[in-house]
Amino acid sequence: MFFYENYEQSILKLPIKETYDKEDLMTDDFLYANDNKLEVFWAPFESINKDAKVIMLGITPGWTQMQLSFNYVRKNIGGEKTEDLLRNAKREASFGGVIRKNLIDMLDGIELNKHLSITSCAELYGEKNHLLHSASALRYPVFINRKNYTGSSPSMLKHPLLLQMIHELLVPELSEVKEAVIIPAGKAVSEVVRHLAAEGQIHNKTILYKFPHPSGANGHRKKQYEENKGYFQEKLDNHFS
């Protein structure tokens, strides 16, 4: 289910800026759904890489990722085919900022790069982007009181709107890339994937549960990563053997 065409004219009305403010993008023009203090805004995260070997699954695009994606689309709209535009916007924004460096270090640490025959997983965000499908449990940016939703309050599996997004957007998306390894970033995303797997709604055979969220704000990241590193490596060895 894709909605880009519904928002194309609103994108064209945006000023071209180096950095957008929340007042630019968190508007009625881009409001996808809301429930009291919880708001979901559409953003150009609709590209699906059907040939990917790995799915990196986050919670939801945060404000940083949202404005990076809009920035790319606004600057390049009309100059690229829609398919290329959306693919490049997602590559530019997914796990953008400091989070991306942490993530690359973690993926290289479990030798995913070797299984993909690349020097470093940094290449997944460059010329080897075709090997990666970046996604989120909640495809579009979710905010509570205009602040990034962090995956816990409310629970994605208990809030009707969020659960609806998972079933309507995530499940069909994962079915398009069902041969890939799923790496759910953080406890909340792992819970969503476990739930869907238990329901028989996803069929990916290899899932790296317990993979910590790469955010620098995750104080338990390094400890959790080291504790499960061997398990991650074993799962990858079995998948790619």
C-alpha atoms as a PDB file:
ATOM      1  CA  MET A   1       0.000   0.000   0.000  1.00  0.00           C
ATOM      2  CA  PHE A   2       1.644   3.227  -1.176  1.00  0.00           C
ATOM      3  CA  PHE A   3       0.539   6.821  -0.718  1.00  0.00           C
ATOM      4  CA  TYR A   4       3.275   8.921  -2.352  1.00  0.00           C
ATOM      5  CA  GLU A   5       0.991  10.271  -5.085  1.00  0.00           C
ATOM      6  CA  ASN A   6      -1.428  11.564  -2.443  1.00  0.00           C
ATOM      7  CA  TYR A   7       1.298  13.809  -1.024  1.00  0.00           C
ATOM      8  CA  GLU A   8       3.258  14.807  -4.131  1.00  0.00           C
ATOM      9  CA  GLN A   9       1.603  18.209  -4.548  1.00  0.00           C
ATOM     10  CA  SER A  10       2.122  19.032  -0.878  1.00  0.00           C
ATOM     11  CA  ILE A  11       5.818  18.168  -1.225  1.00  0.00           C
ATOM     12  CA  LEU A  12       6.130  20.519  -4.190  1.00  0.00           C
ATOM     13  CA  LYS A  13       4.735  23.344  -2.061  1.00  0.00           C
ATOM     14  CA  LEU A  14       7.535  22.962   0.504  1.00  0.00           C
ATOM     15  CA  PRO A  15      10.374  25.476   0.372  1.00  0.00           C
ATOM     16  CA  ILE A  16      13.763  24.051  -0.544  1.00  0.00           C
ATOM     17  CA  LYS A  17      15.833  24.230   2.653  1.00  0.00           C
ATOM     18  CA  GLU A  18      18.969  22.625   4.051  1.00  0.00           C
ATOM     19  CA  THR A  19      17.082  21.554   7.177  1.00  0.00           C
ATOM     20  CA  TYR A  20      13.361  21.441   7.812  1.00  0.00           C
ATOM     21  CA  ASP A  21      11.700  22.431  11.059  1.00  0.00           C
ATOM     22  CA  LYS A  22       8.846  20.487  12.601  1.00  0.00           C
ATOM     23  CA  GLU A  23       6.538  23.352  11.663  1.00  0.00           C
ATOM     24  CA  ASP A  24       7.321  22.612   7.994  1.00  0.00           C
ATOM     25  CA  LEU A  25       6.468  18.923   8.003  1.00  0.00           C
ATOM     26  CA  MET A  26       4.246  18.187  10.982  1.00  0.00           C
ATOM     27  CA  THR A  27       1.244  19.738   9.270  1.00  0.00           C
ATOM     28  CA  ASP A  28      -2.230  18.674   8.244  1.00  0.00           C
ATOM     29  CA  ASP A  29      -0.903  18.237   4.706  1.00  0.00           C
ATOM     30  CA  PHE A  30       1.177  15.254   5.832  1.00  0.00           C
ATOM     31  CA  LEU A  31      -0.923  13.938   8.723  1.00  0.00           C
ATOM     32  CA  TYR A  32      -1.548  10.231   8.117  1.00  0.00           C
ATOM     33  CA  ALA A  33      -3.465   9.371  11.294  1.00  0.00           C
ATOM     34  CA  ASN A  34      -3.837  10.528  14.881  1.00  0.00           C
ATOM     35  CA  ASP A  35      -5.253   9.486  18.231  1.00  0.00           C
ATOM     36  CA  ASN A  36      -5.183  12.132  20.958  1.00  0.00           C
ATOM     37  CA  LYS A  37      -1.521  12.993  21.637  1.00  0.00           C
ATOM     38  CA  LEU A  38      -0.258  10.359  19.203  1.00  0.00           C
ATOM     39  CA  GLU A  39       0.281  11.551  15.636  1.00  0.00           C
ATOM     40  CA  VAL A  40       1.481   9.702  12.547  1.00  0.00           C
ATOM     41  CA  PHE A  41       2.839  11.702   9.632  1.00  0.00           C
ATOM     42  CA  TRP A  42       3.378  10.359   6.150  1.00  0.00           C
ATOM     43  CA  ALA A  43       7.001  10.418   4.953  1.00  0.00           C
ATOM     44  CA  PRO A  44       8.627   8.970   1.807  1.00  0.00           C
ATOM     45  CA  PHE A  45       9.577   5.567   3.237  1.00  0.00           C
ATOM     46  CA  GLU A  46       7.688   3.453   0.717  1.00  0.00           C
ATOM     47  CA  SER A  47      10.450   1.879  -1.363  1.00  0.00           C
ATOM     48  CA  ILE A  48      10.705  -1.916  -1.040  1.00  0.00           C
ATOM     49  CA  ASN A  49      13.894  -3.721  -2.079  1.00  0.00           C
ATOM     50  CA  LYS A  50      12.548  -7.136  -3.057  1.00  0.00           C
ATOM     51  CA  ASP A  51      16.011  -8.595  -3.758  1.00  0.00           C
ATOM     52  CA  ALA A  52      17.510  -7.680  -0.381  1.00  0.00           C
ATOM     53  CA  LYS A  53      19.482 -10.225   1.640  1.00  0.00           C
ATOM     54  CA  VAL A  54      18.954  -8.382   4.928  1.00  0.00           C
ATOM     55  CA  ILE A  55      16.061  -6.443   6.447  1.00  0.00           C
ATOM     56  CA  MET A  56      17.076  -3.880   9.056  1.00  0.00           C
ATOM     57  CA  LEU A  57      13.900  -3.244  11.030  1.00  0.00           C
ATOM     58  CA  GLY A  58      13.596  -0.195  13.280  1.00  0.00           C
ATOM     59  CA  ILE A  59      10.731   1.063  15.428  1.00  0.00           C
ATOM     60  CA  THR A  60       9.606   4.040  13.366  1.00  0.00           C
ATOM     61  CA  PRO A  61      11.446   6.797  11.508  1.00  0.00           C
ATOM     62  CA  GLY A  62      12.272   9.563  13.990  1.00  0.00           C
ATOM     63  CA  TRP A  63      12.311  13.279  13.308  1.00  0.00           C
ATOM     64  CA  THR A  64      15.896  13.183  11.977  1.00  0.00           C
ATOM     65  CA  GLN A  65      15.041  10.474   9.458  1.00  0.00           C
ATOM     66  CA  MET A  66      11.781  12.189   8.512  1.00  0.00           C
ATOM     67  CA  GLN A  67      13.381  15.504   7.652  1.00  0.00           C
ATOM     68  CA  LEU A  68      16.294  13.825   5.809  1.00  0.00           C
ATOM     69  CA  SER A  69      13.859  11.925   3.603  1.00  0.00           C
ATOM     70  CA  PHE A  70      11.754  15.002   2.815  1.00  0.00           C
ATOM     71  CA  ASN A  71      14.901  17.007   2.148  1.00  0.00           C
ATOM     72  CA  TYR A  72      16.069  14.507  -0.457  1.00  0.00           C
ATOM     73  CA  VAL A  73      12.686  14.218  -2.167  1.00  0.00           C
ATOM     74  CA  ARG A  74      12.059  17.960  -2.288  1.00  0.00           C
ATOM     75  CA  LYS A  75      15.466  18.653  -3.830  1.00  0.00           C
ATOM     76  CA  ASN A  76      15.251  15.842  -6.388  1.00  0.00           C
ATOM     77  CA  ILE A  77      11.554  15.662  -7.255  1.00  0.00           C
ATOM     78  CA  GLY A  78      11.117  15.978 -10.997  1.00  0.00           C
ATOM     79  CA  GLY A  79      14.727  15.030 -11.623  1.00  0.00           C
ATOM     80  CA  GLU A  80      14.394  11.320 -10.852  1.00  0.00           C
ATOM     81  CA  LYS A  81      11.809   8.666 -11.592  1.00  0.00           C
ATOM     82  CA  THR A  82       9.486   8.164  -8.638  1.00  0.00           C
ATOM     83  CA  GLU A  83      10.867   4.672  -7.977  1.00  0.00           C
ATOM     84  CA  ASP A  84      14.449   5.988  -7.847  1.00  0.00           C
ATOM     85  CA  LEU A  85      13.417   9.020  -5.833  1.00  0.00           C
ATOM     86  CA  LEU A  86      11.815   6.955  -3.086  1.00  0.00           C
ATOM     87  CA  ARG A  87      14.632   4.403  -3.030  1.00  0.00           C
ATOM     88  CA  ASN A  88      17.300   7.093  -2.725  1.00  0.00           C
ATOM     89  CA  ALA A  89      15.350   9.027  -0.089  1.00  0.00           C
ATOM     90  CA  LYS A  90      15.101   5.929   2.076  1.00  0.00           C
ATOM     91  CA  ARG A  91      18.805   5.148   1.634  1.00  0.00           C
ATOM     92  CA  GLU A  92      19.671   8.722   2.592  1.00  0.00           C
ATOM     93  CA  ALA A  93      17.546   8.737   5.724  1.00  0.00           C
ATOM     94  CA  SER A  94      17.343   5.198   7.150  1.00  0.00           C
ATOM     95  CA  PHE A  95      19.072   4.945  10.511  1.00  0.00           C
ATOM     96  CA  GLY A  96      20.531   8.347   9.652  1.00  0.00           C
ATOM     97  CA  GLY A  97      22.857  10.329  11.868  1.00  0.00           C
ATOM     98  CA  VAL A  98      25.061   8.837  14.622  1.00  0.00           C
ATOM     99  CA  ILE A  99      22.814   5.781  14.814  1.00  0.00           C
ATOM    100  CA  ARG A 100      24.058   4.609  11.424  1.00  0.00           C
ATOM    101  CA  LYS A 101      27.705   4.521  12.521  1.00  0.00           C
ATOM    102  CA  ASN A 102      26.802   2.482  15.604  1.00  0.00           C
ATOM    103  CA  LEU A 103      24.734   0.112  13.481  1.00  0.00           C
ATOM    104  CA  ILE A 104      27.494  -0.416  10.911  1.00  0.00           C
ATOM    105  CA  ASP A 105      30.011  -1.192  13.674  1.00  0.00           C
ATOM    106  CA  MET A 106      27.605  -3.744  15.169  1.00  0.00           C
ATOM    107  CA  LEU A 107      26.850  -5.431  11.836  1.00  0.00           C
ATOM    108  CA  ASP A 108      30.528  -5.639  10.914  1.00  0.00           C
ATOM    109  CA  GLY A 109      31.203  -7.021  14.397  1.00  0.00           C
ATOM    110  CA  ILE A 110      29.012 -10.060  13.707  1.00  0.00           C
ATOM    111  CA  GLU A 111      30.638 -10.392  10.276  1.00  0.00           C
ATOM    112  CA  LEU A 112      27.527  -9.741   8.239  1.00  0.00           C
ATOM    113  CA  ASN A 113      29.801  -7.949   5.783  1.00  0.00           C
ATOM    114  CA  LYS A 114      31.727 -11.170   5.108  1.00  0.00           C
ATOM    115  CA  HIS A 115      28.537 -13.134   4.446  1.00  0.00           C
ATOM    116  CA  LEU A 116      27.495 -10.447   1.956  1.00  0.00           C
ATOM    117  CA  SER A 117      30.976 -10.378   0.367  1.00  0.00           C
ATOM    118  CA  ILE A 118      31.511  -6.688   1.101  1.00  0.00           C
ATOM    119  CA  THR A 119      34.298  -4.903   2.964  1.00  0.00           C
ATOM    120  CA  SER A 120      32.007  -3.164   5.450  1.00  0.00           C
ATOM    121  CA  CYS A 121      28.287  -2.835   6.023  1.00  0.00           C
ATOM    122  CA  ALA A 122      28.777   0.879   5.380  1.00  0.00           C
ATOM    123  CA  GLU A 123      28.488  -0.160   1.727  1.00  0.00           C
ATOM    124  CA  LEU A 124      24.855  -1.142   2.356  1.00  0.00           C
ATOM    125  CA  TYR A 125      24.105   2.578   2.480  1.00  0.00           C
ATOM    126  CA  GLY A 126      26.069   3.201  -0.714  1.00  0.00           C
ATOM    127  CA  GLU A 127      26.762   1.158  -3.811  1.00  0.00           C
ATOM    128  CA  LYS A 128      25.621  -2.114  -2.206  1.00  0.00           C
ATOM    129  CA  ASN A 129      22.260  -0.731  -1.106  1.00  0.00           C
ATOM    130  CA  HIS A 130      20.496  -3.392  -3.200  1.00  0.00           C
ATOM    131  CA  LEU A 131      21.468  -5.961  -0.538  1.00  0.00           C
ATOM    132  CA  LEU A 132      19.569  -4.101   2.199  1.00  0.00           C
ATOM    133  CA  HIS A 133      15.914  -3.414   2.834  1.00  0.00           C
ATOM    134  CA  SER A 134      15.500  -0.759   5.521  1.00  0.00           C
ATOM    135  CA  ALA A 135      12.113  -0.826   7.202  1.00  0.00           C
ATOM    136  CA  SER A 136      10.282   0.048  10.402  1.00  0.00           C
ATOM    137  CA  ALA A 137       7.661  -1.775  12.412  1.00  0.00           C
ATOM    138  CA  LEU A 138       5.687   1.442  11.973  1.00  0.00           C
ATOM    139  CA  ARG A 139       6.461   2.629   8.427  1.00  0.00           C
ATOM    140  CA  TYR A 140       5.638   6.290   8.932  1.00  0.00           C
ATOM    141  CA  PRO A 141       6.984   8.590  11.688  1.00  0.00           C
ATOM    142  CA  VAL A 142       5.064   8.385  14.947  1.00  0.00           C
ATOM    143  CA  PHE A 143       5.195  11.136  17.554  1.00  0.00           C
ATOM    144  CA  ILE A 144       3.691  11.608  21.003  1.00  0.00           C
ATOM    145  CA  ASN A 145       3.339  15.224  22.065  1.00  0.00           C
ATOM    146  CA  ARG A 146       5.487  16.014  18.993  1.00  0.00           C
ATOM    147  CA  LYS A 147       8.368  13.901  20.357  1.00  0.00           C
ATOM    148  CA  ASN A 148       9.754  10.701  18.804  1.00  0.00           C
ATOM    149  CA  TYR A 149       7.810   7.596  19.764  1.00  0.00           C
ATOM    150  CA  THR A 150      10.245   5.148  21.378  1.00  0.00           C
ATOM    151  CA  GLY A 151       8.292   1.917  21.037  1.00  0.00           C
ATOM    152  CA  SER A 152       7.018   1.339  24.557  1.00  0.00           C
ATOM    153  CA  SER A 153       4.363   3.780  25.774  1.00  0.00           C
ATOM    154  CA  PRO A 154       1.944   2.819  24.372  1.00  0.00           C
ATOM    155  CA  SER A 155       2.893  -0.700  23.291  1.00  0.00           C
ATOM    156  CA  MET A 156       2.768  -1.187  19.521  1.00  0.00           C
ATOM    157  CA  LEU A 157       0.881  -4.437  20.007  1.00  0.00           C
ATOM    158  CA  LYS A 158      -1.745  -2.947  22.332  1.00  0.00           C
ATOM    159  CA  HIS A 159      -2.551   0.378  20.680  1.00  0.00           C
ATOM    160  CA  PRO A 160      -5.254  -0.122  18.010  1.00  0.00           C
ATOM    161  CA  LEU A 161      -3.882   2.445  15.547  1.00  0.00           C
ATOM    162  CA  LEU A 162      -0.299   1.199  15.802  1.00  0.00           C
ATOM    163  CA  LEU A 163      -1.350  -2.440  15.546  1.00  0.00           C
ATOM    164  CA  GLN A 164      -3.427  -1.574  12.484  1.00  0.00           C
ATOM    165  CA  MET A 165      -0.352  -0.004  10.862  1.00  0.00           C
ATOM    166  CA  ILE A 166       1.658  -3.150  11.563  1.00  0.00           C
ATOM    167  CA  HIS A 167      -0.937  -5.390   9.932  1.00  0.00           C
ATOM    168  CA  GLU A 168      -1.747  -3.110   6.992  1.00  0.00           C
ATOM    169  CA  LEU A 169       1.755  -1.905   6.140  1.00  0.00           C
ATOM    170  CA  LEU A 170       4.478  -4.047   7.740  1.00  0.00           C
ATOM    171  CA  VAL A 171       3.088  -7.528   7.096  1.00  0.00           C
ATOM    172  CA  PRO A 172       2.634  -7.022   3.325  1.00  0.00           C
ATOM    173  CA  GLU A 173       6.044  -5.324   3.167  1.00  0.00           C
ATOM    174  CA  LEU A 174       7.864  -8.238   4.811  1.00  0.00           C
ATOM    175  CA  SER A 175       6.067 -10.707   2.539  1.00  0.00           C
ATOM    176  CA  GLU A 176       7.808  -9.011  -0.401  1.00  0.00           C
ATOM    177  CA  VAL A 177      11.264  -9.825   1.052  1.00  0.00           C
ATOM    178  CA  LYS A 178      10.614 -13.166   2.743  1.00  0.00           C
ATOM    179  CA  GLU A 179      13.996 -14.777   1.976  1.00  0.00           C
ATOM    180  CA  ALA A 180      15.985 -12.083   3.810  1.00  0.00           C
ATOM    181  CA  VAL A 181      17.426 -12.175   7.322  1.00  0.00           C
ATOM    182  CA  ILE A 182      15.403  -9.921   9.641  1.00  0.00           C
ATOM    183  CA  ILE A 183      17.366  -7.878  12.185  1.00  0.00           C
ATOM    184  CA  PRO A 184      14.861  -6.251  14.561  1.00  0.00           C
ATOM    185  CA  ALA A 185      16.506  -3.299  16.323  1.00  0.00           C
ATOM    186  CA  GLY A 186      15.599  -3.377  19.994  1.00  0.00           C
ATOM    187  CA  LYS A 187      13.262  -5.220  22.331  1.00  0.00           C
ATOM    188  CA  ALA A 188      10.027  -3.587  21.185  1.00  0.00           C
ATOM    189  CA  VAL A 189      10.617  -4.503  17.528  1.00  0.00           C
ATOM    190  CA  SER A 190      11.629  -8.056  18.466  1.00  0.00           C
ATOM    191  CA  GLU A 191       8.308  -8.400  20.310  1.00  0.00           C
ATOM    192  CA  VAL A 192       6.406  -7.285  17.207  1.00  0.00           C
ATOM    193  CA  VAL A 193       8.267  -9.752  14.981  1.00  0.00           C
ATOM    194  CA  ARG A 194       7.769 -12.617  17.467  1.00  0.00           C
ATOM    195  CA  HIS A 195       4.061 -11.819  17.569  1.00  0.00           C
ATOM    196  CA  LEU A 196       3.741 -11.854  13.780  1.00  0.00           C
ATOM    197  CA  ALA A 197       5.813 -15.028  13.466  1.00  0.00           C
ATOM    198  CA  ALA A 198       3.646 -16.770  16.087  1.00  0.00           C
ATOM    199  CA  GLU A 199       0.553 -15.742  14.126  1.00  0.00           C
ATOM    200  CA  GLY A 200       2.090 -17.188  10.952  1.00  0.00           C
ATOM    201  CA  GLN A 201       2.037 -13.790   9.266  1.00  0.00           C
ATOM    202  CA  ILE A 202       5.725 -13.677   8.383  1.00  0.00           C
ATOM    203  CA  HIS A 203       7.791 -16.498   6.960  1.00  0.00           C
ATOM    204  CA  ASN A 204      11.407 -15.315   7.139  1.00  0.00           C
ATOM    205  CA  LYS A 205      13.437 -18.227   8.509  1.00  0.00           C
ATOM    206  CA  THR A 206      16.273 -16.268  10.113  1.00  0.00           C
ATOM    207  CA  ILE A 207      15.534 -13.542  12.655  1.00  0.00           C
ATOM    208  CA  LEU A 208      18.168 -12.064  14.974  1.00  0.00           C
ATOM    209  CA  TYR A 209      16.066 -11.563  18.085  1.00  0.00           C
ATOM    210  CA  LYS A 210      17.687  -9.610  20.945  1.00  0.00           C
ATOM    211  CA  PHE A 211      19.650  -7.364  18.573  1.00  0.00           C
ATOM    212  CA  PRO A 212      19.967  -4.088  20.520  1.00  0.00           C
ATOM    213  CA  HIS A 213      18.793  -0.774  19.142  1.00  0.00           C
ATOM    214  CA  PRO A 214      21.867   1.128  17.879  1.00  0.00           C
ATOM    215  CA  SER A 215      20.861   4.450  19.422  1.00  0.00           C
ATOM    216  CA  GLY A 216      23.513   6.053  21.604  1.00  0.00           C
ATOM    217  CA  ALA A 217      20.731   6.631  24.143  1.00  0.00           C
ATOM    218  CA  ASN A 218      20.443   2.866  24.629  1.00  0.00           C
ATOM    219  CA  GLY A 219      22.610   2.415  27.709  1.00  0.00           C
ATOM    220  CA  HIS A 220      22.429  -1.379  27.577  1.00  0.00           C
ATOM    221  CA  ARG A 221      23.410  -1.592  23.918  1.00  0.00           C
ATOM    222  CA  LYS A 222      27.032  -2.682  24.244  1.00  0.00           C
ATOM    223  CA  LYS A 223      26.442  -5.197  27.028  1.00  0.00           C
ATOM    224  CA  GLN A 224      23.447  -6.765  25.275  1.00  0.00           C
ATOM    225  CA  TYR A 225      25.356  -6.899  22.006  1.00  0.00           C
ATOM    226  CA  GLU A 226      28.380  -8.654  23.526  1.00  0.00           C
ATOM    227  CA  GLU A 227      26.181 -11.133  25.397  1.00  0.00           C
ATOM    228  CA  ASN A 228      24.416 -12.202  22.191  1.00  0.00           C
ATOM    229  CA  LYS A 229      27.188 -11.734  19.638  1.00  0.00           C
ATOM    230  CA  GLY A 230      27.927 -15.452  19.358  1.00  0.00           C
ATOM    231  CA  TYR A 231      24.247 -16.239  18.852  1.00  0.00           C
ATOM    232  CA  PHE A 232      23.989 -13.646  16.071  1.00  0.00           C
ATOM    233  CA  GLN A 233      27.069 -15.031  14.331  1.00  0.00           C
ATOM    234  CA  GLU A 234      25.781 -18.598  14.544  1.00  0.00           C
ATOM    235  CA  LYS A 235      22.416 -17.623  13.057  1.00  0.00           C
ATOM    236  CA  LEU A 236      24.142 -15.839  10.175  1.00  0.00           C
ATOM    237  CA  ASP A 237      26.521 -18.758   9.601  1.00  0.00           C
ATOM    238  CA  ASN A 238      23.567 -21.158   9.350  1.00  0.00           C
ATOM    239  CA  HIS A 239      21.573 -18.852   7.083  1.00  0.00           C
ATOM    240  CA  PHE A 240      24.314 -18.150   4.575  1.00  0.00           C
ATOM    241  CA  SER A 241      25.954 -21.609   4.603  1.00  0.00           C
END
